[in-house]
């Protein structure tokens, strides 16, 4: 990573911290990386997931019991937990280029952290998950709304360093997607496709930013399908793979759908791919993401008509709820330190909420696009029996070509998802520019 971009990133975060600390009358922020969570009635912990506010400042993903002390002016202080432990590997103190931008202190015992925190702790804000720990340490301000809303609103605007990380995550995920595609056409099971993906990315399952969705045939109709089968099906018809990667804590989130043969489902995928590219071409600063979602339904209605899945016209398919039956989720979401990154519903830095339209309750972003935002764009078309059954109890039943729906049911569904950066003068499709075209 570009070390100059990292220092610029720290400068931006420090400036944001200074602004909100002044506004809220606070001395500084103390960001807790988190603590391990013990499994119930066991002596093992769940996989550790670091506080996203912590990894925004330092690229350390597996470092529980550590802290950042930030006053918005000086170098951040990293309190690095390094115990004496013969049971587990102890993390080495980092020496990478980025460490020149922080001060590092060593913490050897969890219960000694108070000795390294500021003396006037009641004038500092705790940012983290473990509010009980914060209370014991004497923090009066624990995840204060004013601070959290401000940080979440501005986290939507990515720095050059963050864009570097997101591009790298996309390049890594694309390697996995190519390997997964090859495994599918070689006849692998869902488990086999998953293993090919992990092998190509060089990341373990717990390193993934979310649980990979590897869905063959009918399973592609289940939006968050993660219950992988170990046996290959008797016939390979389709693969929907929604899988990412992470670099320095920043996520890629990419989906592709493949048909095993060049059949009607293959041509439906091609038209959904074209639809997605048309939507991305409309993205620029000043465009409302809600409007893009509505436009997606208009384009999807035409796809349904072109493939004889429905009859009527575009307006009737939208107004009757037909398009929502085939495409029930939102167009996409903010992307960054978290897969479904924060700030997608925020109108301003004070946290004013912009709800999605009542007709589209699952839309995850209502922001107006601006430069340096990063979003996913993921239109879909699925044969979901429960939703179709609901539609069959309405007058819109007459608009559905049920025999055509039956023909597509064994293929499950389609989703095409890319990760894009909004620039002032263009839109950068990180996924396709990393080499994943179809």
Protein backbone atom coordinates (compact mmCIF):
# COMPACT_ATOMS: atom_id res chain seq x y z
CA UNK A 1 0.00 0.00 0.00
CA UNK A 2 1.08 3.57 -0.65
CA UNK A 3 2.55 4.83 2.65
CA UNK A 4 1.84 8.45 1.70
CA UNK A 5 -1.81 7.56 1.20
CA UNK A 6 -1.87 5.97 4.65
CA UNK A 7 -0.44 9.09 6.32
CA UNK A 8 -2.96 11.22 4.42
CA UNK A 9 -5.66 8.83 5.67
CA UNK A 10 -4.56 9.32 9.28
CA UNK A 11 -4.54 13.08 8.74
CA UNK A 12 -8.14 12.93 7.47
CA UNK A 13 -9.26 10.78 10.41
CA UNK A 14 -7.50 13.10 12.84
CA UNK A 15 -9.22 16.10 11.28
CA UNK A 16 -12.61 14.40 11.59
CA UNK A 17 -11.85 13.51 15.20
CA UNK A 18 -10.81 17.07 16.00
CA UNK A 19 -14.00 18.46 14.48
CA UNK A 20 -16.36 16.24 16.44
CA UNK A 21 -14.38 16.45 19.69
CA UNK A 22 -14.58 20.24 19.57
CA UNK A 23 -18.29 20.12 18.84
CA UNK A 24 -19.02 17.66 21.65
CA UNK A 25 -16.65 19.23 24.18
CA UNK A 26 -14.51 16.11 24.57
CA UNK A 27 -10.79 15.65 25.05
CA UNK A 28 -10.45 12.61 22.81
CA UNK A 29 -11.54 9.16 21.70
CA UNK A 30 -10.45 5.83 23.13
CA UNK A 31 -11.22 3.06 20.64
CA UNK A 32 -11.31 -0.50 21.91
CA UNK A 33 -10.40 -3.28 19.45
CA UNK A 34 -12.71 -5.67 21.30
CA UNK A 35 -12.47 -8.81 23.38
CA UNK A 36 -12.83 -12.50 22.53
CA UNK A 37 -16.28 -14.01 23.05
CA UNK A 38 -16.33 -17.38 24.80
CA UNK A 39 -18.60 -20.07 23.38
CA UNK A 40 -21.37 -21.06 25.76
CA UNK A 41 -20.39 -23.88 28.12
CA UNK A 42 -17.05 -24.30 26.37
CA UNK A 43 -13.43 -23.26 26.77
CA UNK A 44 -13.05 -21.95 23.21
CA UNK A 45 -13.79 -18.52 21.76
CA UNK A 46 -15.77 -17.57 18.70
CA UNK A 47 -13.67 -16.19 15.81
CA UNK A 48 -12.62 -12.68 16.78
CA UNK A 49 -13.98 -9.75 14.76
CA UNK A 50 -12.30 -6.44 15.39
CA UNK A 51 -14.20 -3.19 16.03
CA UNK A 52 -14.45 -1.49 12.59
CA UNK A 53 -13.59 1.87 14.18
CA UNK A 54 -10.30 0.34 15.32
CA UNK A 55 -9.28 -1.05 11.94
CA UNK A 56 -10.18 2.27 10.32
CA UNK A 57 -7.04 3.66 11.95
CA UNK A 58 -4.66 0.67 11.98
CA UNK A 59 -4.66 -2.44 9.74
CA UNK A 60 -4.79 -4.93 12.62
CA UNK A 61 -7.61 -7.46 12.35
CA UNK A 62 -6.82 -10.09 14.95
CA UNK A 63 -5.71 -8.09 17.96
CA UNK A 64 -8.18 -8.26 20.87
CA UNK A 65 -7.68 -6.28 24.07
CA UNK A 66 -5.91 -3.43 22.31
CA UNK A 67 -6.73 0.26 22.25
CA UNK A 68 -6.29 3.49 20.29
CA UNK A 69 -5.97 6.84 22.05
CA UNK A 70 -6.82 9.77 19.75
CA UNK A 71 -7.03 13.48 20.46
CA UNK A 72 -7.34 14.69 16.87
CA UNK A 73 -4.03 16.56 16.90
CA UNK A 74 -1.16 14.27 17.87
CA UNK A 75 -0.18 10.92 16.45
CA UNK A 76 -2.65 8.23 17.50
CA UNK A 77 -1.34 6.03 20.29
CA UNK A 78 -1.77 2.31 19.74
CA UNK A 79 -1.85 0.31 22.97
CA UNK A 80 -0.77 -3.07 21.62
CA UNK A 81 -1.76 -6.09 23.69
CA UNK A 82 1.13 -8.56 23.87
CA UNK A 83 0.80 -10.93 26.83
CA UNK A 84 3.18 -13.59 28.02
CA UNK A 85 1.39 -16.72 26.78
CA UNK A 86 2.65 -20.25 26.09
CA UNK A 87 -0.78 -21.53 24.97
CA UNK A 88 -1.19 -19.33 21.92
CA UNK A 89 0.97 -17.49 19.43
CA UNK A 90 1.59 -13.95 20.60
CA UNK A 91 1.38 -11.26 17.94
CA UNK A 92 4.63 -9.54 17.11
CA UNK A 93 4.79 -5.79 17.52
CA UNK A 94 4.30 -4.42 13.99
CA UNK A 95 7.17 -2.73 12.18
CA UNK A 96 5.51 -2.08 8.79
CA UNK A 97 5.68 1.33 7.15
CA UNK A 98 2.32 2.38 8.59
CA UNK A 99 3.68 2.25 12.14
CA UNK A 100 5.57 5.51 11.49
CA UNK A 101 2.18 7.23 11.69
CA UNK A 102 1.36 6.00 15.22
CA UNK A 103 2.95 5.75 18.64
CA UNK A 104 2.97 2.24 20.10
CA UNK A 105 2.79 1.25 23.76
CA UNK A 106 2.79 -2.36 24.96
CA UNK A 107 0.12 -3.79 27.23
CA UNK A 108 1.04 -7.13 28.82
CA UNK A 109 -1.98 -7.65 31.10
CA UNK A 110 -5.59 -6.85 30.22
CA UNK A 111 -6.40 -5.47 33.65
CA UNK A 112 -3.51 -2.96 33.50
CA UNK A 113 -5.01 -0.86 30.70
CA UNK A 114 -6.13 1.88 33.11
CA UNK A 115 -2.46 2.72 33.72
CA UNK A 116 -2.02 3.60 30.02
CA UNK A 117 -5.23 5.58 29.53
CA UNK A 118 -5.51 9.38 29.99
CA UNK A 119 -5.87 10.51 33.59
CA UNK A 120 -8.97 12.64 32.92
CA UNK A 121 -10.86 9.71 31.41
CA UNK A 122 -14.30 11.21 32.12
CA UNK A 123 -13.61 13.80 29.43
CA UNK A 124 -12.85 11.15 26.81
CA UNK A 125 -15.30 9.02 24.81
CA UNK A 126 -15.17 5.25 24.65
CA UNK A 127 -15.88 3.74 21.21
CA UNK A 128 -16.46 0.02 21.25
CA UNK A 129 -18.64 -2.94 22.04
CA UNK A 130 -17.84 -3.66 25.69
CA UNK A 131 -19.74 -0.99 27.58
CA UNK A 132 -19.29 -2.86 30.86
CA UNK A 133 -15.52 -2.55 30.53
CA UNK A 134 -15.88 1.14 29.68
CA UNK A 135 -18.00 1.71 32.78
CA UNK A 136 -15.48 -0.01 35.04
CA UNK A 137 -12.70 2.14 33.57
CA UNK A 138 -14.65 5.28 34.40
CA UNK A 139 -15.81 6.44 30.97
CA UNK A 140 -18.77 8.77 31.28
CA UNK A 141 -19.23 9.02 27.50
CA UNK A 142 -19.76 5.60 25.89
CA UNK A 143 -20.46 5.54 22.16
CA UNK A 144 -22.08 8.99 22.35
CA UNK A 145 -24.63 9.53 19.57
CA UNK A 146 -23.10 12.79 18.39
CA UNK A 147 -19.70 11.19 17.91
CA UNK A 148 -20.96 7.97 16.34
CA UNK A 149 -23.31 9.70 13.89
CA UNK A 150 -20.58 12.09 12.77
CA UNK A 151 -18.02 9.33 12.24
CA UNK A 152 -20.50 7.08 10.41
CA UNK A 153 -21.71 9.85 8.12
CA UNK A 154 -18.21 10.81 7.04
CA UNK A 155 -16.95 7.23 6.76
CA UNK A 156 -18.94 7.02 3.53
CA UNK A 157 -16.38 9.32 1.88
CA UNK A 158 -13.32 7.13 1.31
CA UNK A 159 -9.73 8.33 1.42
CA UNK A 160 -7.15 7.42 -1.24
CA UNK A 161 -5.74 4.79 1.14
CA UNK A 162 -9.15 3.21 1.59
CA UNK A 163 -9.70 3.11 -2.16
CA UNK A 164 -6.31 1.39 -2.53
CA UNK A 165 -7.43 -1.26 -0.05
CA UNK A 166 -10.81 -1.75 -1.73
CA UNK A 167 -9.20 -2.16 -5.14
CA UNK A 168 -6.80 -4.72 -3.72
CA UNK A 169 -9.68 -6.61 -2.11
CA UNK A 170 -11.47 -6.72 -5.46
CA UNK A 171 -8.38 -8.01 -7.25
CA UNK A 172 -8.05 -10.77 -4.68
CA UNK A 173 -11.73 -11.71 -4.84
CA UNK A 174 -11.61 -11.83 -8.63
CA UNK A 175 -8.93 -14.52 -8.41
CA UNK A 176 -11.32 -16.55 -6.30
CA UNK A 177 -14.23 -16.02 -8.66
CA UNK A 178 -12.23 -17.24 -11.65
CA UNK A 179 -11.25 -20.38 -9.71
CA UNK A 180 -14.85 -20.95 -8.57
CA UNK A 181 -16.12 -20.67 -12.15
CA UNK A 182 -13.59 -23.28 -13.31
CA UNK A 183 -14.58 -25.61 -10.47
CA UNK A 184 -18.27 -25.28 -11.36
CA UNK A 185 -17.72 -26.19 -15.00
CA UNK A 186 -15.54 -29.10 -13.86
CA UNK A 187 -18.55 -30.50 -11.98
CA UNK A 188 -17.61 -29.63 -8.39
CA UNK A 189 -19.99 -29.64 -5.45
CA UNK A 190 -20.83 -26.45 -3.56
CA UNK A 191 -18.19 -27.40 -1.01
CA UNK A 192 -15.71 -28.01 -3.83
CA UNK A 193 -16.40 -24.59 -5.34
CA UNK A 194 -15.87 -23.02 -1.91
CA UNK A 195 -12.53 -24.75 -1.46
CA UNK A 196 -11.38 -23.64 -4.91
CA UNK A 197 -12.33 -20.08 -4.02
CA UNK A 198 -10.47 -20.08 -0.71
CA UNK A 199 -7.40 -21.69 -2.26
CA UNK A 200 -7.22 -19.05 -4.99
CA UNK A 201 -7.60 -16.12 -2.60
CA UNK A 202 -5.21 -17.54 -0.02
CA UNK A 203 -7.65 -16.67 2.75
CA UNK A 204 -9.35 -18.90 5.30
CA UNK A 205 -13.09 -19.07 5.72
CA UNK A 206 -12.92 -16.88 8.83
CA UNK A 207 -10.90 -14.33 6.85
CA UNK A 208 -13.80 -13.76 4.49
CA UNK A 209 -15.70 -10.50 5.14
CA UNK A 210 -18.94 -12.53 5.14
CA UNK A 211 -20.03 -16.13 4.72
CA UNK A 212 -19.62 -17.02 1.06
CA UNK A 213 -22.80 -17.90 -0.83
CA UNK A 214 -22.12 -20.87 -3.14
CA UNK A 215 -25.46 -21.98 -4.56
CA UNK A 216 -25.99 -24.62 -7.22
CA UNK A 217 -29.23 -25.02 -9.17
CA UNK A 218 -32.40 -24.38 -7.10
CA UNK A 219 -30.34 -23.17 -4.13
CA UNK A 220 -29.61 -19.96 -6.04
CA UNK A 221 -33.17 -18.84 -5.20
CA UNK A 222 -32.20 -18.59 -1.50
CA UNK A 223 -30.78 -15.10 -1.09
CA UNK A 224 -28.42 -15.86 1.81
CA UNK A 225 -27.70 -19.51 1.12
CA UNK A 226 -24.71 -20.75 3.16
CA UNK A 227 -25.59 -24.39 3.93
CA UNK A 228 -23.16 -25.92 1.44
CA UNK A 229 -23.65 -29.46 0.18
CA UNK A 230 -20.67 -31.81 -0.01
CA UNK A 231 -22.02 -33.98 -2.82
CA UNK A 232 -22.25 -32.72 -6.37
CA UNK A 233 -25.79 -32.72 -7.80
CA UNK A 234 -26.77 -35.22 -10.47
CA UNK A 235 -26.89 -32.36 -12.98
CA UNK A 236 -25.17 -28.99 -12.96
CA UNK A 237 -27.50 -26.29 -14.23
CA UNK A 238 -26.48 -23.04 -12.55
CA UNK A 239 -24.10 -21.48 -10.04
CA UNK A 240 -24.68 -18.29 -8.07
CA UNK A 241 -21.56 -17.28 -6.15
CA UNK A 242 -21.56 -14.27 -3.84
CA UNK A 243 -18.10 -14.13 -2.30
CA UNK A 244 -15.57 -11.50 -1.32
CA UNK A 245 -12.19 -10.98 0.27
CA UNK A 246 -10.64 -8.43 2.58
CA UNK A 247 -7.42 -6.44 2.50
CA UNK A 248 -6.40 -4.53 5.62
CA UNK A 249 -9.97 -4.91 6.83
CA UNK A 250 -11.63 -3.50 3.71
CA UNK A 251 -14.10 -5.75 1.93
CA UNK A 252 -14.92 -6.84 -1.59
CA UNK A 253 -18.45 -8.14 -2.20
CA UNK A 254 -18.91 -9.67 -5.66
CA UNK A 255 -21.58 -11.90 -7.19
CA UNK A 256 -21.73 -13.79 -10.46
CA UNK A 257 -24.19 -16.28 -11.91
CA UNK A 258 -23.35 -18.95 -14.50
CA UNK A 259 -25.35 -21.34 -16.65
CA UNK A 260 -23.78 -24.74 -17.29
CA UNK A 261 -25.15 -24.76 -20.83
CA UNK A 262 -25.95 -22.09 -23.44
CA UNK A 263 -29.71 -22.24 -22.92
CA UNK A 264 -32.54 -19.82 -22.11
CA UNK A 265 -31.17 -19.30 -18.60
CA UNK A 266 -27.79 -18.34 -20.09
CA UNK A 267 -29.46 -15.67 -22.21
CA UNK A 268 -31.40 -14.44 -19.20
CA UNK A 269 -28.09 -13.99 -17.35
CA UNK A 270 -26.70 -12.00 -20.27
CA UNK A 271 -29.67 -9.64 -20.19
CA UNK A 272 -29.36 -9.18 -16.43
CA UNK A 273 -25.68 -8.37 -16.92
CA UNK A 274 -26.63 -5.74 -19.50
CA UNK A 275 -29.22 -4.35 -17.09
CA UNK A 276 -26.63 -3.99 -14.35
CA UNK A 277 -24.19 -2.19 -16.66
CA UNK A 278 -26.94 0.26 -17.67
CA UNK A 279 -27.55 1.13 -14.03
CA UNK A 280 -23.86 1.63 -13.30
CA UNK A 281 -23.61 3.91 -16.33
CA UNK A 282 -26.18 6.21 -14.64
CA UNK A 283 -24.16 6.58 -11.43
CA UNK A 284 -22.59 9.97 -10.79
CA UNK A 285 -22.53 12.64 -8.08
CA UNK A 286 -25.97 14.09 -7.44
CA UNK A 287 -27.93 11.00 -8.43
CA UNK A 288 -30.20 9.53 -5.75
CA UNK A 289 -29.58 5.86 -5.10
CA UNK A 290 -33.32 5.35 -4.59
CA UNK A 291 -33.91 6.55 -8.14
CA UNK A 292 -31.42 3.99 -9.45
CA UNK A 293 -33.27 1.28 -7.57
CA UNK A 294 -36.59 2.36 -9.10
CA UNK A 295 -35.00 2.46 -12.55
CA UNK A 296 -33.74 -1.09 -11.98
CA UNK A 297 -37.32 -2.25 -11.53
CA UNK A 298 -38.25 -0.58 -14.81
CA UNK A 299 -35.46 -2.37 -16.65
CA UNK A 300 -36.26 -5.64 -14.91
CA UNK A 301 -39.89 -5.44 -16.01
CA UNK A 302 -38.70 -5.28 -19.61
CA UNK A 303 -36.45 -8.31 -19.05
CA UNK A 304 -39.44 -10.25 -17.69
CA UNK A 305 -41.43 -9.32 -20.78
CA UNK A 306 -38.58 -10.13 -23.18
CA UNK A 307 -38.17 -13.63 -21.70
CA UNK A 308 -41.92 -14.32 -21.52
CA UNK A 309 -41.89 -14.64 -17.73
CA UNK A 310 -44.66 -12.07 -17.55
CA UNK A 311 -47.10 -10.22 -19.78
CA UNK A 312 -48.60 -6.74 -19.80
CA UNK A 313 -46.41 -3.65 -19.75
CA UNK A 314 -43.61 -2.20 -17.64
CA UNK A 315 -45.85 0.01 -15.50
CA UNK A 316 -48.35 -2.73 -14.71
CA UNK A 317 -45.59 -5.16 -13.67
CA UNK A 318 -44.17 -2.60 -11.26
CA UNK A 319 -47.45 -1.34 -9.83
CA UNK A 320 -48.81 -4.86 -9.28
CA UNK A 321 -45.71 -5.98 -7.37
CA UNK A 322 -44.55 -8.46 -10.01
CA UNK A 323 -41.03 -7.02 -10.24
CA UNK A 324 -40.72 -7.02 -6.43
CA UNK A 325 -41.61 -10.72 -6.44
CA UNK A 326 -38.72 -11.52 -8.76
CA UNK A 327 -36.37 -8.89 -7.26
CA UNK A 328 -37.24 -8.51 -3.55
CA UNK A 329 -34.02 -6.99 -2.21
CA UNK A 330 -32.33 -3.63 -2.65
CA UNK A 331 -30.05 -2.60 -5.49
CA UNK A 332 -26.99 -2.50 -3.25
CA UNK A 333 -25.31 -0.85 -0.28
CA UNK A 334 -22.32 1.10 0.93
CA UNK A 335 -19.07 -0.87 1.06
CA UNK A 336 -15.91 -0.39 3.09
CA UNK A 337 -14.75 -1.53 6.51
CA UNK A 338 -17.96 -3.53 6.71
CA UNK A 339 -19.72 -5.32 3.89
CA UNK A 340 -22.97 -3.50 4.62
CA UNK A 341 -21.12 -0.37 5.61
CA UNK A 342 -22.60 2.34 7.80
CA UNK A 343 -24.07 5.63 6.66
CA UNK A 344 -26.35 4.42 3.90
CA UNK A 345 -29.48 5.94 5.45
CA UNK A 346 -27.95 9.11 6.90
CA UNK A 347 -29.06 12.50 5.59
CA UNK A 348 -26.52 14.48 7.59
CA UNK A 349 -23.72 14.15 10.11
CA UNK A 350 -26.17 14.42 13.00
CA UNK A 351 -27.73 11.12 11.96
CA UNK A 352 -31.02 12.23 10.42
CA UNK A 353 -32.51 9.00 9.06
CA UNK A 354 -33.72 8.68 5.46
CA UNK A 355 -35.91 5.59 5.33
CA UNK A 356 -36.34 3.61 2.12
CA UNK A 357 -39.62 4.02 0.22
CA UNK A 358 -42.46 1.89 1.64
CA UNK A 359 -42.61 -0.09 -1.61
CA UNK A 360 -38.93 -1.02 -1.29
CA UNK A 361 -38.32 -1.70 2.42
CA UNK A 362 -35.17 -3.79 1.89
CA UNK A 363 -33.20 -1.08 0.09
CA UNK A 364 -29.98 -0.53 2.09
CA UNK A 365 -29.03 2.92 0.78
CA UNK A 366 -31.00 6.15 0.38
CA UNK A 367 -28.04 8.53 0.03
CA UNK A 368 -27.41 10.88 -2.85
CA UNK A 369 -24.24 9.80 -4.65
CA UNK A 370 -21.09 11.85 -4.12
CA UNK A 371 -17.44 11.59 -5.04
CA UNK A 372 -15.40 8.92 -3.18
CA UNK A 373 -18.39 6.86 -2.16
CA UNK A 374 -18.09 3.11 -2.74
CA UNK A 375 -21.17 1.00 -3.36
CA UNK A 376 -22.29 -2.37 -4.58
CA UNK A 377 -24.70 -2.69 -7.49
CA UNK A 378 -26.46 -6.06 -7.46
CA UNK A 379 -29.74 -6.45 -9.34
CA UNK A 380 -31.30 -9.91 -9.19
CA UNK A 381 -34.01 -12.10 -10.65
CA UNK A 382 -35.10 -15.17 -8.66
CA UNK A 383 -37.74 -17.89 -8.74
CA UNK A 384 -38.74 -17.79 -5.06
CA UNK A 385 -41.67 -20.10 -4.42
CA UNK A 386 -42.97 -18.38 -1.28
CA UNK A 387 -43.10 -14.96 -2.95
CA UNK A 388 -44.69 -16.37 -6.08
CA UNK A 389 -47.29 -18.11 -3.92
CA UNK A 390 -48.15 -14.76 -2.33
CA UNK A 391 -48.44 -13.18 -5.77
CA UNK A 392 -50.72 -16.01 -6.91
CA UNK A 393 -53.30 -14.81 -4.37
CA UNK A 394 -53.54 -11.40 -6.08
CA UNK A 395 -54.96 -10.21 -9.41
CA UNK A 396 -51.35 -9.98 -10.65
CA UNK A 397 -51.43 -13.77 -11.02
CA UNK A 398 -52.78 -13.24 -14.52
CA UNK A 399 -49.60 -11.38 -15.53
CA UNK A 400 -47.33 -14.36 -14.82
CA UNK A 401 -46.44 -17.00 -17.40
CA UNK A 402 -46.45 -19.86 -14.91
CA UNK A 403 -45.17 -22.50 -17.33
CA UNK A 404 -42.21 -20.27 -18.12
CA UNK A 405 -41.59 -19.79 -14.41
CA UNK A 406 -41.61 -23.56 -13.98
CA UNK A 407 -39.01 -23.89 -16.71
CA UNK A 408 -36.64 -21.53 -14.91
CA UNK A 409 -37.29 -22.88 -11.39
CA UNK A 410 -34.53 -25.56 -11.53
CA UNK A 411 -31.95 -22.78 -12.08
CA UNK A 412 -32.87 -20.85 -8.91
CA UNK A 413 -32.01 -17.28 -9.74
CA UNK A 414 -29.55 -14.66 -10.92
CA UNK A 415 -27.56 -11.93 -9.19
CA UNK A 416 -24.80 -9.81 -10.78
CA UNK A 417 -22.84 -7.65 -8.31
CA UNK A 418 -19.96 -5.26 -8.86
CA UNK A 419 -18.17 -2.83 -6.53
CA UNK A 420 -17.93 0.74 -7.85
CA UNK A 421 -16.29 4.00 -6.84
CA UNK A 422 -18.04 7.28 -7.57
CA UNK A 423 -15.59 9.89 -8.86
CA UNK A 424 -16.38 13.49 -9.71
CA UNK A 425 -16.04 12.77 -13.44
CA UNK A 426 -16.55 9.01 -13.83
CA UNK A 427 -17.55 5.77 -12.17
CA UNK A 428 -14.81 3.20 -11.55
CA UNK A 429 -15.99 -0.40 -11.64
CA UNK A 430 -13.31 -2.04 -9.50
CA UNK A 431 -14.67 -5.52 -10.11
CA UNK A 432 -14.64 -5.46 -13.90
CA UNK A 433 -11.42 -3.46 -14.06
CA UNK A 434 -9.89 -6.26 -11.96
CA UNK A 435 -10.73 -8.73 -14.71
CA UNK A 436 -14.13 -10.22 -13.84
CA UNK A 437 -16.28 -9.52 -16.87
CA UNK A 438 -18.82 -12.37 -16.92
